[in-house]
């Protein structure tokens, strides 16, 4: 799998996941074009990426493609807080 194929796949998967978990009363729907990749890397035959959407829900998604098993894993996370610590 090349980078373009991986990005296309994860954007589709994330948009489907978000739409299936969104409250129907919100009246919102996102498309794969709304999903953006924050970070990605490839090691040997495996891919990993962090993705998010423009929704103000604090969610981000970690996707891992196992090239040996041909399996994609999705982990969904919610950001609760961002703290700054000054360290000497």
Protein backbone atom coordinates (compact mmCIF):
# COMPACT_ATOMS: atom_id res chain seq x y z
CA UNK A 1 0.00 0.00 0.00
CA UNK A 2 1.35 3.42 -0.90
CA UNK A 3 0.77 6.69 0.97
CA UNK A 4 -2.03 7.89 -1.30
CA UNK A 5 -3.95 4.62 -0.89
CA UNK A 6 -3.42 4.65 2.87
CA UNK A 7 -4.62 8.25 3.25
CA UNK A 8 -7.67 7.59 1.05
CA UNK A 9 -8.54 4.53 3.11
CA UNK A 10 -8.15 6.16 6.52
CA UNK A 11 -10.13 9.25 5.52
CA UNK A 12 -12.97 6.99 4.39
CA UNK A 13 -12.82 4.90 7.58
CA UNK A 14 -12.68 7.92 9.91
CA UNK A 15 -15.56 9.72 8.16
CA UNK A 16 -17.70 6.56 8.35
CA UNK A 17 -16.84 6.12 12.02
CA UNK A 18 -17.61 9.76 12.87
CA UNK A 19 -20.89 9.74 10.98
CA UNK A 20 -22.00 6.50 12.66
CA UNK A 21 -21.26 7.92 16.13
CA UNK A 22 -22.61 11.43 15.64
CA UNK A 23 -25.89 12.33 17.32
CA UNK A 24 -28.56 12.42 14.62
CA UNK A 25 -30.04 15.55 16.20
CA UNK A 26 -26.84 17.45 15.38
CA UNK A 27 -27.83 17.28 11.72
CA UNK A 28 -24.17 17.08 10.67
CA UNK A 29 -22.39 14.81 8.25
CA UNK A 30 -18.73 14.77 7.24
CA UNK A 31 -17.10 13.42 4.11
CA UNK A 32 -13.66 11.88 3.65
CA UNK A 33 -12.48 15.28 2.37
CA UNK A 34 -13.18 16.74 5.82
CA UNK A 35 -10.73 14.35 7.50
CA UNK A 36 -7.14 15.54 7.71
CA UNK A 37 -3.95 13.68 8.55
CA UNK A 38 -1.96 15.27 11.35
CA UNK A 39 0.98 12.84 11.30
CA UNK A 40 1.94 9.61 9.56
CA UNK A 41 4.84 7.22 9.19
CA UNK A 42 5.70 3.98 7.45
CA UNK A 43 7.96 1.31 8.91
CA UNK A 44 8.65 -1.67 6.67
CA UNK A 45 5.19 -2.77 5.42
CA UNK A 46 3.23 -1.03 8.22
CA UNK A 47 1.59 2.40 8.30
CA UNK A 48 0.47 4.56 11.22
CA UNK A 49 -1.35 7.89 11.17
CA UNK A 50 -3.07 10.38 13.44
CA UNK A 51 -6.13 12.03 11.93
CA UNK A 52 -8.83 14.48 12.97
CA UNK A 53 -11.81 16.43 11.64
CA UNK A 54 -12.89 20.08 11.84
CA UNK A 55 -15.69 19.16 14.27
CA UNK A 56 -15.29 20.87 17.67
CA UNK A 57 -15.59 17.56 19.53
CA UNK A 58 -11.96 17.18 20.65
CA UNK A 59 -11.64 13.78 18.97
CA UNK A 60 -8.61 12.39 17.20
CA UNK A 61 -8.02 9.03 15.59
CA UNK A 62 -5.02 6.74 15.50
CA UNK A 63 -4.96 4.31 12.58
CA UNK A 64 -2.51 1.47 12.16
CA UNK A 65 -2.26 -0.71 9.07
CA UNK A 66 -0.62 -4.10 9.61
CA UNK A 67 0.89 -4.91 6.21
CA UNK A 68 1.44 -8.58 7.08
CA UNK A 69 -2.15 -9.26 8.14
CA UNK A 70 -3.71 -6.66 5.81
CA UNK A 71 -5.71 -5.31 8.77
CA UNK A 72 -6.44 -1.69 9.71
CA UNK A 73 -6.91 -0.79 13.38
CA UNK A 74 -8.72 2.36 14.52
CA UNK A 75 -8.40 3.90 17.99
CA UNK A 76 -10.60 6.90 18.81
CA UNK A 77 -9.50 9.36 21.49
CA UNK A 78 -10.94 12.48 23.05
CA UNK A 79 -8.78 15.35 24.20
CA UNK A 80 -9.75 16.36 27.71
CA UNK A 81 -7.17 18.94 28.57
CA UNK A 82 -4.00 20.65 27.43
CA UNK A 83 -1.64 21.78 30.19
CA UNK A 84 1.67 23.57 29.97
CA UNK A 85 4.48 22.78 32.41
CA UNK A 86 7.63 24.85 32.53
CA UNK A 87 10.58 22.64 33.34
CA UNK A 88 14.00 24.00 34.31
